[in-house]
Amino acid sequence: MSSGTTGLAWFKSSYSGTQGDDCVEVAIAEQGVHVRDSKDVGRPAFLVGREVWSRFAGFVADA
């Protein structure tokens, strides 16, 4: 994990199950939204802009 993501408050969706399903975790930061694989948190996270994340979340909510 990159040092830029240490100390972030990571969370999963309230829709995520506890069965170990495929899921992502997100952490909101000033520079954007960090996204990582919840089953392999040692892999590098990626960063998306807040506006892009908002459009993505809106798209998913409408699906």
PDB file of N, CA and C in Angstrom:
ATOM      1  N   MET A   1       0.857  -1.162   0.000  1.00  0.00           N
ATOM      2  CA  MET A   1       0.000   0.000   0.000  1.00  0.00           C
ATOM      3  C   MET A   1       0.903   1.225   0.000  1.00  0.00           C
ATOM      4  N   SER A   2       0.527   2.205  -0.778  1.00  0.00           N
ATOM      5  CA  SER A   2       1.371   3.390  -0.824  1.00  0.00           C
ATOM      6  C   SER A   2       1.257   4.173   0.470  1.00  0.00           C
ATOM      7  N   SER A   3       2.315   4.883   0.796  1.00  0.00           N
ATOM      8  CA  SER A   3       2.313   5.645   2.047  1.00  0.00           C
ATOM      9  C   SER A   3       1.260   6.736   2.033  1.00  0.00           C
ATOM     10  N   GLY A   4       0.778   7.128   0.841  1.00  0.00           N
ATOM     11  CA  GLY A   4      -0.251   8.151   0.752  1.00  0.00           C
ATOM     12  C   GLY A   4      -1.611   7.687   1.223  1.00  0.00           C
ATOM     13  N   THR A   5      -1.768   6.383   1.446  1.00  0.00           N
ATOM     14  CA  THR A   5      -3.064   5.877   1.885  1.00  0.00           C
ATOM     15  C   THR A   5      -3.061   5.381   3.331  1.00  0.00           C
ATOM     16  N   THR A   6      -1.926   5.437   3.998  1.00  0.00           N
ATOM     17  CA  THR A   6      -1.900   5.025   5.401  1.00  0.00           C
ATOM     18  C   THR A   6      -2.612   6.083   6.232  1.00  0.00           C
ATOM     19  N   GLY A   7      -3.321   5.629   7.210  1.00  0.00           N
ATOM     20  CA  GLY A   7      -4.027   6.547   8.092  1.00  0.00           C
ATOM     21  C   GLY A   7      -5.382   6.997   7.569  1.00  0.00           C
ATOM     22  N   LEU A   8      -5.797   6.519   6.409  1.00  0.00           N
ATOM     23  CA  LEU A   8      -7.115   6.880   5.890  1.00  0.00           C
ATOM     24  C   LEU A   8      -8.193   6.034   6.567  1.00  0.00           C
ATOM     25  N   ALA A   9      -9.399   6.563   6.631  1.00  0.00           N
ATOM     26  CA  ALA A   9     -10.531   5.836   7.211  1.00  0.00           C
ATOM     27  C   ALA A   9     -11.241   5.072   6.095  1.00  0.00           C
ATOM     28  N   TRP A  10     -10.900   3.799   5.936  1.00  0.00           N
ATOM     29  CA  TRP A  10     -11.462   2.957   4.887  1.00  0.00           C
ATOM     30  C   TRP A  10     -12.803   2.401   5.332  1.00  0.00           C
ATOM     31  N   PHE A  11     -13.733   2.279   4.382  1.00  0.00           N
ATOM     32  CA  PHE A  11     -15.018   1.653   4.696  1.00  0.00           C
ATOM     33  C   PHE A  11     -15.592   0.961   3.471  1.00  0.00           C
ATOM     34  N   LYS A  12     -16.448  -0.028   3.738  1.00  0.00           N
ATOM     35  CA  LYS A  12     -17.162  -0.742   2.692  1.00  0.00           C
ATOM     36  C   LYS A  12     -18.613  -0.273   2.698  1.00  0.00           C
ATOM     37  N   SER A  13     -19.281  -0.519   1.617  1.00  0.00           N
ATOM     38  CA  SER A  13     -20.695  -0.184   1.503  1.00  0.00           C
ATOM     39  C   SER A  13     -21.506  -0.935   2.546  1.00  0.00           C
ATOM     40  N   SER A  14     -22.573  -0.333   2.994  1.00  0.00           N
ATOM     41  CA  SER A  14     -23.481  -1.020   3.919  1.00  0.00           C
ATOM     42  C   SER A  14     -24.173  -2.186   3.227  1.00  0.00           C
ATOM     43  N   TYR A  15     -24.113  -2.245   1.901  1.00  0.00           N
ATOM     44  CA  TYR A  15     -24.694  -3.356   1.144  1.00  0.00           C
ATOM     45  C   TYR A  15     -23.743  -4.551   1.056  1.00  0.00           C
ATOM     46  N   SER A  16     -22.515  -4.394   1.498  1.00  0.00           N
ATOM     47  CA  SER A  16     -21.539  -5.479   1.439  1.00  0.00           C
ATOM     48  C   SER A  16     -21.903  -6.553   2.450  1.00  0.00           C
ATOM     49  N   GLY A  17     -21.773  -7.786   2.025  1.00  0.00           N
ATOM     50  CA  GLY A  17     -22.049  -8.905   2.917  1.00  0.00           C
ATOM     51  C   GLY A  17     -20.830  -9.246   3.753  1.00  0.00           C
ATOM     52  N   THR A  18     -20.994 -10.216   4.622  1.00  0.00           N
ATOM     53  CA  THR A  18     -19.891 -10.663   5.467  1.00  0.00           C
ATOM     54  C   THR A  18     -19.355 -12.015   5.018  1.00  0.00           C
ATOM     55  N   GLN A  19     -19.786 -12.491   3.840  1.00  0.00           N
ATOM     56  CA  GLN A  19     -19.380 -13.800   3.353  1.00  0.00           C
ATOM     57  C   GLN A  19     -18.053 -13.773   2.606  1.00  0.00           C
ATOM     58  N   GLY A  20     -17.374 -12.653   2.546  1.00  0.00           N
ATOM     59  CA  GLY A  20     -16.119 -12.566   1.821  1.00  0.00           C
ATOM     60  C   GLY A  20     -16.327 -12.343   0.334  1.00  0.00           C
ATOM     61  N   ASP A  21     -17.480 -11.817  -0.016  1.00  0.00           N
ATOM     62  CA  ASP A  21     -17.772 -11.530  -1.417  1.00  0.00           C
ATOM     63  C   ASP A  21     -16.787 -10.520  -1.973  1.00  0.00           C
ATOM     64  N   ASP A  22     -16.746 -10.437  -3.288  1.00  0.00           N
ATOM     65  CA  ASP A  22     -15.924  -9.415  -3.928  1.00  0.00           C
ATOM     66  C   ASP A  22     -16.441  -8.052  -3.507  1.00  0.00           C
ATOM     67  N   CYS A  23     -15.560  -7.217  -3.062  1.00  0.00           N
ATOM     68  CA  CYS A  23     -15.971  -5.907  -2.592  1.00  0.00           C
ATOM     69  C   CYS A  23     -14.783  -4.954  -2.654  1.00  0.00           C
ATOM     70  N   VAL A  24     -15.098  -3.706  -2.649  1.00  0.00           N
ATOM     71  CA  VAL A  24     -14.062  -2.690  -2.575  1.00  0.00           C
ATOM     72  C   VAL A  24     -14.278  -1.860  -1.320  1.00  0.00           C
ATOM     73  N   GLU A  25     -13.223  -1.226  -0.889  1.00  0.00           N
ATOM     74  CA  GLU A  25     -13.291  -0.276   0.215  1.00  0.00           C
ATOM     75  C   GLU A  25     -12.918   1.089  -0.345  1.00  0.00           C
ATOM     76  N   VAL A  26     -13.474   2.114   0.236  1.00  0.00           N
ATOM     77  CA  VAL A  26     -13.143   3.467  -0.190  1.00  0.00           C
ATOM     78  C   VAL A  26     -12.733   4.296   1.016  1.00  0.00           C
ATOM     79  N   ALA A  27     -11.951   5.309   0.748  1.00  0.00           N
ATOM     80  CA  ALA A  27     -11.538   6.275   1.770  1.00  0.00           C
ATOM     81  C   ALA A  27     -11.589   7.651   1.116  1.00  0.00           C
ATOM     82  N   ILE A  28     -12.330   8.533   1.712  1.00  0.00           N
ATOM     83  CA  ILE A  28     -12.494   9.873   1.158  1.00  0.00           C
ATOM     84  C   ILE A  28     -11.398  10.773   1.710  1.00  0.00           C
ATOM     85  N   ALA A  29     -10.709  11.429   0.804  1.00  0.00           N
ATOM     86  CA  ALA A  29      -9.624  12.328   1.182  1.00  0.00           C
ATOM     87  C   ALA A  29      -9.810  13.654   0.435  1.00  0.00           C
ATOM     88  N   GLU A  30      -9.047  14.628   0.818  1.00  0.00           N
ATOM     89  CA  GLU A  30      -9.165  15.940   0.184  1.00  0.00           C
ATOM     90  C   GLU A  30      -8.918  15.880  -1.321  1.00  0.00           C
ATOM     91  N   GLN A  31      -7.961  15.073  -1.741  1.00  0.00           N
ATOM     92  CA  GLN A  31      -7.607  15.012  -3.156  1.00  0.00           C
ATOM     93  C   GLN A  31      -8.539  14.128  -3.974  1.00  0.00           C
ATOM     94  N   GLY A  32      -9.424  13.360  -3.347  1.00  0.00           N
ATOM     95  CA  GLY A  32     -10.362  12.510  -4.066  1.00  0.00           C
ATOM     96  C   GLY A  32     -10.760  11.303  -3.237  1.00  0.00           C
ATOM     97  N   VAL A  33     -11.216  10.269  -3.923  1.00  0.00           N
ATOM     98  CA  VAL A  33     -11.668   9.044  -3.269  1.00  0.00           C
ATOM     99  C   VAL A  33     -10.693   7.917  -3.624  1.00  0.00           C
ATOM    100  N   HIS A  34     -10.097   7.319  -2.598  1.00  0.00           N
ATOM    101  CA  HIS A  34      -9.193   6.190  -2.782  1.00  0.00           C
ATOM    102  C   HIS A  34     -10.033   4.918  -2.804  1.00  0.00           C
ATOM    103  N   VAL A  35      -9.683   3.989  -3.681  1.00  0.00           N
ATOM    104  CA  VAL A  35     -10.424   2.737  -3.827  1.00  0.00           C
ATOM    105  C   VAL A  35      -9.422   1.581  -3.755  1.00  0.00           C
ATOM    106  N   ARG A  36      -9.782   0.521  -2.999  1.00  0.00           N
ATOM    107  CA  ARG A  36      -8.907  -0.648  -2.915  1.00  0.00           C
ATOM    108  C   ARG A  36      -9.746  -1.917  -2.809  1.00  0.00           C
ATOM    109  N   ASP A  37      -9.103  -3.043  -3.081  1.00  0.00           N
ATOM    110  CA  ASP A  37      -9.711  -4.366  -2.976  1.00  0.00           C
ATOM    111  C   ASP A  37      -9.779  -4.744  -1.496  1.00  0.00           C
ATOM    112  N   SER A  38     -10.963  -5.013  -0.988  1.00  0.00           N
ATOM    113  CA  SER A  38     -11.113  -5.307   0.435  1.00  0.00           C
ATOM    114  C   SER A  38     -10.495  -6.640   0.841  1.00  0.00           C
ATOM    115  N   LYS A  39     -10.292  -7.548  -0.118  1.00  0.00           N
ATOM    116  CA  LYS A  39      -9.698  -8.844   0.210  1.00  0.00           C
ATOM    117  C   LYS A  39      -8.186  -8.842   0.089  1.00  0.00           C
ATOM    118  N   ASP A  40      -7.627  -7.793  -0.488  1.00  0.00           N
ATOM    119  CA  ASP A  40      -6.174  -7.714  -0.664  1.00  0.00           C
ATOM    120  C   ASP A  40      -5.737  -6.262  -0.454  1.00  0.00           C
ATOM    121  N   VAL A  41      -5.822  -5.816   0.789  1.00  0.00           N
ATOM    122  CA  VAL A  41      -5.556  -4.411   1.100  1.00  0.00           C
ATOM    123  C   VAL A  41      -4.087  -4.033   0.945  1.00  0.00           C
ATOM    124  N   GLY A  42      -3.228  -5.020   0.722  1.00  0.00           N
ATOM    125  CA  GLY A  42      -1.818  -4.739   0.494  1.00  0.00           C
ATOM    126  C   GLY A  42      -1.536  -4.260  -0.925  1.00  0.00           C
ATOM    127  N   ARG A  43      -2.476  -4.493  -1.835  1.00  0.00           N
ATOM    128  CA  ARG A  43      -2.309  -4.027  -3.212  1.00  0.00           C
ATOM    129  C   ARG A  43      -2.496  -2.514  -3.244  1.00  0.00           C
ATOM    130  N   PRO A  44      -1.887  -1.865  -4.195  1.00  0.00           N
ATOM    131  CA  PRO A  44      -2.039  -0.409  -4.279  1.00  0.00           C
ATOM    132  C   PRO A  44      -3.486   0.009  -4.518  1.00  0.00           C
ATOM    133  N   ALA A  45      -3.881   1.054  -3.861  1.00  0.00           N
ATOM    134  CA  ALA A  45      -5.197   1.663  -4.085  1.00  0.00           C
ATOM    135  C   ALA A  45      -5.079   2.600  -5.280  1.00  0.00           C
ATOM    136  N   PHE A  46      -6.217   2.972  -5.851  1.00  0.00           N
ATOM    137  CA  PHE A  46      -6.180   4.004  -6.883  1.00  0.00           C
ATOM    138  C   PHE A  46      -7.065   5.160  -6.451  1.00  0.00           C
ATOM    139  N   LEU A  47      -6.836   6.284  -7.036  1.00  0.00           N
ATOM    140  CA  LEU A  47      -7.506   7.518  -6.652  1.00  0.00           C
ATOM    141  C   LEU A  47      -8.349   8.034  -7.806  1.00  0.00           C
ATOM    142  N   VAL A  48      -9.589   8.394  -7.504  1.00  0.00           N
ATOM    143  CA  VAL A  48     -10.448   9.040  -8.497  1.00  0.00           C
ATOM    144  C   VAL A  48     -10.896  10.382  -7.927  1.00  0.00           C
ATOM    145  N   GLY A  49     -11.154  11.310  -8.802  1.00  0.00           N
ATOM    146  CA  GLY A  49     -11.632  12.623  -8.373  1.00  0.00           C
ATOM    147  C   GLY A  49     -13.012  12.529  -7.737  1.00  0.00           C
ATOM    148  N   ARG A  50     -13.323  13.459  -6.885  1.00  0.00           N
ATOM    149  CA  ARG A  50     -14.619  13.453  -6.191  1.00  0.00           C
ATOM    150  C   ARG A  50     -15.790  13.545  -7.167  1.00  0.00           C
ATOM    151  N   GLU A  51     -15.668  14.363  -8.194  1.00  0.00           N
ATOM    152  CA  GLU A  51     -16.757  14.512  -9.167  1.00  0.00           C
ATOM    153  C   GLU A  51     -16.977  13.208  -9.928  1.00  0.00           C
ATOM    154  N   VAL A  52     -15.891  12.560 -10.330  1.00  0.00           N
ATOM    155  CA  VAL A  52     -15.995  11.281 -11.039  1.00  0.00           C
ATOM    156  C   VAL A  52     -16.635  10.238 -10.129  1.00  0.00           C
ATOM    157  N   TRP A  53     -16.219  10.180  -8.867  1.00  0.00           N
ATOM    158  CA  TRP A  53     -16.796   9.224  -7.928  1.00  0.00           C
ATOM    159  C   TRP A  53     -18.287   9.494  -7.748  1.00  0.00           C
ATOM    160  N   SER A  54     -18.661  10.742  -7.642  1.00  0.00           N
ATOM    161  CA  SER A  54     -20.062  11.097  -7.469  1.00  0.00           C
ATOM    162  C   SER A  54     -20.905  10.638  -8.659  1.00  0.00           C
ATOM    163  N   ARG A  55     -20.384  10.828  -9.867  1.00  0.00           N
ATOM    164  CA  ARG A  55     -21.108  10.354 -11.059  1.00  0.00           C
ATOM    165  C   ARG A  55     -21.213   8.837 -11.062  1.00  0.00           C
ATOM    166  N   PHE A  56     -20.134   8.145 -10.702  1.00  0.00           N
ATOM    167  CA  PHE A  56     -20.146   6.689 -10.639  1.00  0.00           C
ATOM    168  C   PHE A  56     -21.177   6.212  -9.621  1.00  0.00           C
ATOM    169  N   ALA A  57     -21.163   6.777  -8.437  1.00  0.00           N
ATOM    170  CA  ALA A  57     -22.110   6.364  -7.380  1.00  0.00           C
ATOM    171  C   ALA A  57     -23.543   6.634  -7.826  1.00  0.00           C
ATOM    172  N   GLY A  58     -23.781   7.743  -8.482  1.00  0.00           N
ATOM    173  CA  GLY A  58     -25.112   8.038  -8.992  1.00  0.00           C
ATOM    174  C   GLY A  58     -25.559   7.033 -10.039  1.00  0.00           C
ATOM    175  N   PHE A  59     -24.638   6.646 -10.920  1.00  0.00           N
ATOM    176  CA  PHE A  59     -24.936   5.646 -11.936  1.00  0.00           C
ATOM    177  C   PHE A  59     -25.306   4.308 -11.297  1.00  0.00           C
ATOM    178  N   VAL A  60     -24.531   3.896 -10.310  1.00  0.00           N
ATOM    179  CA  VAL A  60     -24.788   2.621  -9.635  1.00  0.00           C
ATOM    180  C   VAL A  60     -26.132   2.675  -8.900  1.00  0.00           C
ATOM    181  N   ALA A  61     -26.430   3.784  -8.269  1.00  0.00           N
ATOM    182  CA  ALA A  61     -27.679   3.920  -7.528  1.00  0.00           C
ATOM    183  C   ALA A  61     -28.894   3.842  -8.458  1.00  0.00           C
ATOM    184  N   ASP A  62     -28.713   4.323  -9.684  1.00  0.00           N
ATOM    185  CA  ASP A  62     -29.824   4.321 -10.648  1.00  0.00           C
ATOM    186  C   ASP A  62     -29.989   2.980 -11.342  1.00  0.00           C
ATOM    187  N   ALA A  63     -28.994   2.106 -11.235  1.00  0.00           N
ATOM    188  CA  ALA A  63     -29.040   0.810 -11.956  1.00  0.00           C
ATOM    189  C   ALA A  63     -29.989  -0.168 -11.328  1.00  0.00           C
TER     190      ALA A  63
END
